[in-house]
N, C-alpha and C. Protein backbone atom coordinates (compact mmCIF):
# COMPACT_ATOMS: atom_id res chain seq x y z
N MET A 1 97.95 109.84 119.73
CA MET A 1 98.26 108.61 119.13
C MET A 1 98.01 107.51 120.57
N LEU A 2 97.46 106.22 120.37
CA LEU A 2 97.01 105.23 121.61
C LEU A 2 98.07 104.45 121.71
N THR A 3 98.23 104.36 123.25
CA THR A 3 99.21 103.08 123.38
C THR A 3 98.73 101.89 123.35
N LEU A 4 99.24 100.70 123.64
CA LEU A 4 98.84 99.48 123.62
C LEU A 4 97.70 99.46 124.87
N GLU A 5 98.02 99.98 126.19
CA GLU A 5 96.92 100.16 127.24
C GLU A 5 95.76 100.81 126.99
N GLU A 6 95.82 101.83 126.25
CA GLU A 6 94.84 102.55 125.84
C GLU A 6 93.90 101.97 124.76
N LEU A 7 94.61 101.41 123.91
CA LEU A 7 93.74 100.63 122.84
C LEU A 7 93.20 99.48 123.42
N LYS A 8 93.46 99.05 124.28
CA LYS A 8 92.78 97.76 125.03
C LYS A 8 91.20 98.33 125.65
N MET A 9 91.40 99.37 125.79
CA MET A 9 90.27 99.74 126.40
C MET A 9 88.96 100.52 125.51
N ASP A 10 89.39 100.41 124.21
CA ASP A 10 88.63 101.14 122.94
C ASP A 10 88.00 100.00 122.12
N MET A 11 87.06 99.12 122.65
CA MET A 11 86.48 98.07 121.86
C MET A 11 85.83 98.33 120.31
N ASP A 12 85.24 99.59 120.39
CA ASP A 12 84.86 99.88 119.36
C ASP A 12 86.02 100.21 118.12
N LEU A 13 86.86 100.65 118.48
CA LEU A 13 88.04 100.69 117.48
C LEU A 13 88.80 99.32 117.22
N ILE A 14 89.02 98.30 118.11
CA ILE A 14 89.18 97.00 118.11
C ILE A 14 88.48 96.31 117.24
N ASN A 15 87.29 96.44 117.14
CA ASN A 15 86.10 95.76 116.62
C ASN A 15 86.20 96.08 114.99
N GLU A 16 86.74 97.34 114.67
CA GLU A 16 86.91 97.95 113.44
C GLU A 16 88.06 97.29 112.66
N VAL A 17 88.97 96.38 113.44
CA VAL A 17 90.33 95.97 112.78
C VAL A 17 89.99 94.92 111.91
N SER A 18 90.76 95.22 110.55
CA SER A 18 90.55 94.12 109.59
C SER A 18 91.81 93.44 109.49
N TRP A 19 91.88 92.14 110.48
CA TRP A 19 92.96 91.35 110.82
C TRP A 19 93.88 90.88 109.95
N ASP A 20 93.00 90.48 108.36
CA ASP A 20 93.98 89.83 107.42
C ASP A 20 94.51 90.83 106.42
N LEU A 21 94.03 92.25 106.65
CA LEU A 21 94.37 93.28 105.94
C LEU A 21 96.17 93.80 106.19
N GLY A 22 96.94 93.83 105.16
CA GLY A 22 98.12 94.14 105.57
C GLY A 22 98.55 95.35 104.54
N PRO A 23 99.77 96.34 104.84
CA PRO A 23 100.10 97.30 104.27
C PRO A 23 99.96 96.87 102.63
N GLU A 24 100.38 95.89 102.06
CA GLU A 24 100.50 96.03 100.52
C GLU A 24 98.87 95.90 99.93
N GLU A 25 98.12 95.08 100.73
CA GLU A 25 96.67 94.99 100.19
C GLU A 25 96.07 96.38 100.36
N ALA A 26 96.52 96.94 101.61
CA ALA A 26 95.75 98.54 101.48
C ALA A 26 95.96 99.27 100.61
N VAL A 27 97.44 99.37 100.37
CA VAL A 27 97.65 100.21 99.17
C VAL A 27 96.93 99.67 97.93
N LYS A 28 96.99 98.49 97.38
CA LYS A 28 96.33 98.45 96.39
C LYS A 28 94.59 98.51 96.26
N LEU A 29 94.13 98.65 97.68
CA LEU A 29 92.72 98.52 97.61
C LEU A 29 92.31 100.33 97.68
N TYR A 30 93.32 101.28 98.48
CA TYR A 30 92.92 102.25 98.65
C TYR A 30 93.42 103.37 97.39
N LEU A 31 94.68 102.67 97.01
CA LEU A 31 95.61 103.77 96.04
C LEU A 31 95.70 103.39 94.58
N GLU A 32 95.21 101.91 94.19
CA GLU A 32 95.36 101.29 92.98
C GLU A 32 93.81 100.66 92.73
N TRP A 33 92.78 101.53 92.82
CA TRP A 33 91.40 101.24 92.76
C TRP A 33 91.16 100.08 91.91
N GLY A 34 90.68 99.02 91.95
CA GLY A 34 90.19 98.23 90.82
C GLY A 34 91.24 97.38 90.68
N ASN A 35 92.26 97.33 90.90
CA ASN A 35 93.44 96.59 90.92
C ASN A 35 94.16 95.42 92.02
N THR A 36 92.61 94.98 92.63
CA THR A 36 92.73 94.19 93.72
C THR A 36 91.81 93.03 93.86
N ASP A 37 92.14 92.03 94.03
CA ASP A 37 91.13 90.98 94.50
C ASP A 37 90.88 90.51 95.91
N TRP A 38 91.46 91.57 96.78
CA TRP A 38 91.29 91.51 98.18
C TRP A 38 90.06 91.17 98.85
N GLY A 39 89.63 89.86 99.28
CA GLY A 39 88.50 90.02 99.88
C GLY A 39 87.38 89.57 98.94
N SER A 40 87.98 89.14 97.77
CA SER A 40 87.09 88.67 96.61
C SER A 40 85.80 89.59 96.46
N GLY A 41 86.44 90.89 96.34
CA GLY A 41 85.31 92.09 96.02
C GLY A 41 84.35 92.26 97.03
N LYS A 42 84.45 91.99 98.30
CA LYS A 42 83.80 92.38 99.34
C LYS A 42 84.19 93.83 99.75
N HIS A 43 85.30 94.34 99.49
CA HIS A 43 85.67 95.53 99.78
C HIS A 43 85.49 96.47 98.59
N ILE A 44 84.42 97.22 98.52
CA ILE A 44 84.49 97.84 97.18
C ILE A 44 84.57 99.57 97.73
N ILE A 45 85.34 100.23 97.14
CA ILE A 45 85.99 101.49 97.45
C ILE A 45 85.10 102.57 96.67
N ARG A 46 84.17 103.33 97.21
CA ARG A 46 83.57 104.21 96.52
C ARG A 46 84.02 105.59 96.55
N GLY A 47 85.09 105.67 97.69
CA GLY A 47 85.34 107.36 97.99
C GLY A 47 85.87 107.61 98.99
N LYS A 48 86.34 108.86 99.61
CA LYS A 48 86.99 108.97 100.53
C LYS A 48 86.56 108.62 102.09
N ASP A 49 85.16 108.32 102.12
CA ASP A 49 84.63 107.89 103.28
C ASP A 49 84.64 106.42 103.53
N ASP A 50 85.24 105.52 102.69
CA ASP A 50 85.63 104.15 102.69
C ASP A 50 86.94 103.94 103.28
N TYR A 51 86.92 103.37 104.78
CA TYR A 51 88.27 103.21 105.01
C TYR A 51 88.64 101.90 105.86
N SER A 52 89.57 101.69 106.17
CA SER A 52 90.03 100.16 106.75
C SER A 52 90.93 100.47 107.78
N THR A 53 90.84 99.76 108.97
CA THR A 53 91.67 99.97 110.21
C THR A 53 92.39 98.57 110.17
N TYR A 54 93.61 98.61 110.26
CA TYR A 54 94.63 97.43 110.26
C TYR A 54 96.02 97.79 110.89
N PHE A 55 96.77 96.59 111.33
CA PHE A 55 97.89 96.44 112.07
C PHE A 55 99.09 96.56 111.06
N VAL A 56 100.29 96.99 110.93
CA VAL A 56 101.56 96.79 110.38
C VAL A 56 102.58 96.84 111.67
N VAL A 57 103.76 96.30 111.29
CA VAL A 57 104.81 96.19 112.15
C VAL A 57 105.83 97.00 111.25
N ASN A 58 106.42 98.06 111.69
CA ASN A 58 107.46 99.02 111.31
C ASN A 58 108.81 98.32 111.56
N CYS A 59 109.64 97.91 110.87
CA CYS A 59 110.81 97.29 110.92
C CYS A 59 112.17 97.92 110.44
N TRP A 60 112.06 99.39 110.30
CA TRP A 60 112.77 100.27 109.77
C TRP A 60 114.16 100.34 110.94
N GLU A 61 113.83 100.54 111.97
CA GLU A 61 115.15 100.77 113.18
C GLU A 61 114.37 100.47 114.43
N LYS A 62 115.36 100.18 115.20
CA LYS A 62 114.80 99.61 116.63
C LYS A 62 114.82 100.80 117.55
N PRO A 63 113.97 100.62 118.42
CA PRO A 63 112.92 99.67 118.75
C PRO A 63 111.85 99.68 117.51
N TYR A 64 111.49 98.26 117.30
CA TYR A 64 110.61 97.84 116.24
C TYR A 64 109.15 98.30 116.61
N TYR A 65 108.19 98.91 116.10
CA TYR A 65 106.67 99.15 116.23
C TYR A 65 105.67 98.68 115.68
N ILE A 66 104.73 98.21 116.12
CA ILE A 66 103.63 98.05 115.67
C ILE A 66 102.64 99.37 115.64
N TYR A 67 101.87 99.47 114.54
CA TYR A 67 101.05 100.72 114.44
C TYR A 67 99.52 99.98 113.90
N LEU A 68 98.50 100.76 114.57
CA LEU A 68 97.37 100.70 113.90
C LEU A 68 97.09 101.81 113.19
N ILE A 69 96.90 101.51 112.05
CA ILE A 69 96.56 102.42 110.78
C ILE A 69 95.15 102.67 110.36
N ARG A 70 94.49 103.65 110.04
CA ARG A 70 93.24 103.97 109.36
C ARG A 70 93.52 104.49 108.06
N ARG A 71 93.11 103.87 106.98
CA ARG A 71 93.42 104.49 105.63
C ARG A 71 92.17 104.41 105.06
N ASN A 72 92.13 105.48 104.22
CA ASN A 72 91.35 105.74 103.03
C ASN A 72 92.02 106.18 101.75
N SER A 73 91.15 106.69 100.55
CA SER A 73 91.68 106.84 99.74
C SER A 73 92.63 108.17 99.76
N GLU A 74 92.63 108.93 100.77
CA GLU A 74 93.56 110.12 101.13
C GLU A 74 94.62 110.10 101.86
N GLU A 75 94.37 109.45 102.50
CA GLU A 75 95.40 109.53 103.67
C GLU A 75 95.47 107.95 104.56
N ALA A 76 96.49 108.11 105.08
CA ALA A 76 96.84 106.81 106.15
C ALA A 76 96.88 107.65 107.77
N GLN A 77 96.09 107.61 108.72
CA GLN A 77 96.07 107.85 110.01
C GLN A 77 96.87 106.98 111.05
N GLU A 78 97.85 107.20 111.84
CA GLU A 78 98.30 106.29 112.78
C GLU A 78 97.53 106.68 113.91
N LEU A 79 97.03 105.44 114.53
CA LEU A 79 96.00 105.85 115.54
C LEU A 79 96.53 105.15 116.70
N ALA A 80 97.45 104.23 116.80
CA ALA A 80 98.08 103.61 117.70
C ALA A 80 99.47 103.22 117.76
N LYS A 81 100.52 103.23 118.80
CA LYS A 81 101.73 102.78 118.56
C LYS A 81 102.27 102.07 119.78
N PHE A 82 103.09 101.06 119.38
CA PHE A 82 103.56 100.27 120.57
C PHE A 82 104.55 99.22 120.18
N GLU A 83 105.53 98.95 121.12
CA GLU A 83 106.80 98.19 120.79
C GLU A 83 106.55 96.71 120.24
N LEU A 84 107.11 96.38 119.42
CA LEU A 84 106.77 94.74 118.91
C LEU A 84 107.65 94.24 120.01
N PRO A 85 107.10 93.23 120.85
CA PRO A 85 107.26 92.29 121.77
C PRO A 85 109.11 91.59 121.32
N ARG A 86 110.04 91.86 121.73
CA ARG A 86 111.48 91.13 121.52
C ARG A 86 111.28 89.56 120.95
N GLU A 87 110.53 89.04 121.39
CA GLU A 87 110.63 87.55 121.27
C GLU A 87 110.14 87.23 119.61
N TYR A 88 109.29 88.48 118.94
CA TYR A 88 109.05 88.13 117.66
C TYR A 88 109.79 89.19 116.85
N GLU A 89 110.80 89.67 117.18
CA GLU A 89 111.81 90.65 116.31
C GLU A 89 112.24 89.65 115.04
N LYS A 90 112.85 88.68 115.36
CA LYS A 90 113.65 87.61 114.45
C LYS A 90 112.64 87.12 113.28
N ASP A 91 111.41 86.89 113.81
CA ASP A 91 110.49 86.29 112.96
C ASP A 91 109.95 87.46 111.81
N VAL A 92 109.54 88.40 112.46
CA VAL A 92 109.18 89.63 111.51
C VAL A 92 110.27 90.55 111.07
N CYS A 93 110.87 91.10 111.49
CA CYS A 93 112.12 92.06 111.05
C CYS A 93 113.27 91.51 110.42
N GLU A 94 113.31 90.43 109.98
CA GLU A 94 114.66 90.10 109.05
C GLU A 94 115.23 91.03 108.30
N LEU A 95 114.34 91.87 107.59
CA LEU A 95 114.78 92.96 106.66
C LEU A 95 114.02 94.02 107.11
N LYS A 96 114.81 95.26 106.68
CA LYS A 96 113.97 96.63 106.96
C LYS A 96 112.77 96.52 106.08
N GLY A 97 111.57 97.03 106.50
CA GLY A 97 110.59 97.44 105.91
C GLY A 97 109.29 97.43 106.79
N VAL A 98 108.16 97.65 106.43
CA VAL A 98 107.11 97.63 106.76
C VAL A 98 105.94 96.47 106.41
N TYR A 99 105.69 95.62 107.33
CA TYR A 99 105.01 94.14 107.16
C TYR A 99 103.77 94.02 107.82
N ALA A 100 102.84 93.18 107.33
CA ALA A 100 101.70 92.61 107.89
C ALA A 100 102.08 91.94 109.31
N LEU A 101 101.01 91.65 109.96
CA LEU A 101 101.30 90.79 111.15
C LEU A 101 101.58 89.56 111.00
N GLU A 102 102.61 88.72 111.21
CA GLU A 102 102.91 87.38 111.13
C GLU A 102 101.84 86.61 112.08
N PRO A 103 101.52 85.55 111.63
CA PRO A 103 100.37 84.69 112.53
C PRO A 103 100.68 84.51 113.91
N ASP A 104 101.98 84.54 114.51
CA ASP A 104 102.39 84.54 115.77
C ASP A 104 102.02 85.65 116.67
N VAL A 105 102.41 87.06 115.73
CA VAL A 105 102.23 88.22 116.38
C VAL A 105 100.91 88.64 116.51
N LYS A 106 99.94 87.85 115.33
CA LYS A 106 98.52 88.31 115.27
C LYS A 106 97.81 87.82 116.47
N ALA A 107 98.51 86.32 116.69
CA ALA A 107 97.78 85.61 118.00
C ALA A 107 97.98 86.41 119.32
N TRP A 108 99.20 86.64 119.60
CA TRP A 108 99.64 87.47 120.64
C TRP A 108 98.78 88.77 120.77
N LEU A 109 98.47 89.48 119.81
CA LEU A 109 97.95 90.71 119.83
C LEU A 109 96.44 90.58 120.06
N LYS A 110 95.99 89.59 119.19
CA LYS A 110 94.50 89.26 119.60
C LYS A 110 94.12 89.03 121.13
N SER A 111 95.09 88.39 121.45
CA SER A 111 95.15 87.78 123.13
C SER A 111 95.09 89.00 123.91
N GLU A 112 96.10 89.97 123.86
CA GLU A 112 96.27 91.08 124.26
C GLU A 112 95.06 91.98 124.32
N LEU A 113 94.42 92.02 123.04
CA LEU A 113 93.43 92.77 123.02
C LEU A 113 91.85 92.33 123.49
N GLY A 114 91.90 91.01 123.64
CA GLY A 114 90.65 90.35 124.11
C GLY A 114 89.91 90.22 122.95
N VAL A 115 90.19 89.79 121.88
CA VAL A 115 89.59 89.29 120.63
C VAL A 115 89.45 87.85 120.57
N ASN A 116 88.13 87.47 120.55
CA ASN A 116 87.89 86.11 120.24
C ASN A 116 87.71 85.63 118.97
N GLU A 117 87.97 84.62 118.42
CA GLU A 117 87.83 84.06 117.04
C GLU A 117 86.49 83.28 117.27
């Protein structure tokens, strides 16, 4: 599993990231085929070779972590894992669970990874 520093060096992987996809949408998209309007039909899943790469924040226990996930209809792989900066804990991890990136965390992460909008 990659660290944040290792991920910074893999621009091909960074370019795969679906920045607006979160865990709930990914489950609907890959595990409940046809039960989603995510992306207005732009994401059509035809089989296990189709996948998405996205970030989630795991808030089950401290320290909290950001994971980079690659999901298809059969599995979810954890590609990278690094700690959520403490200044964002209160915004994101108010309750236990797994969450999409909040706008401020997404902006921080894009800056860290050198992603230009």
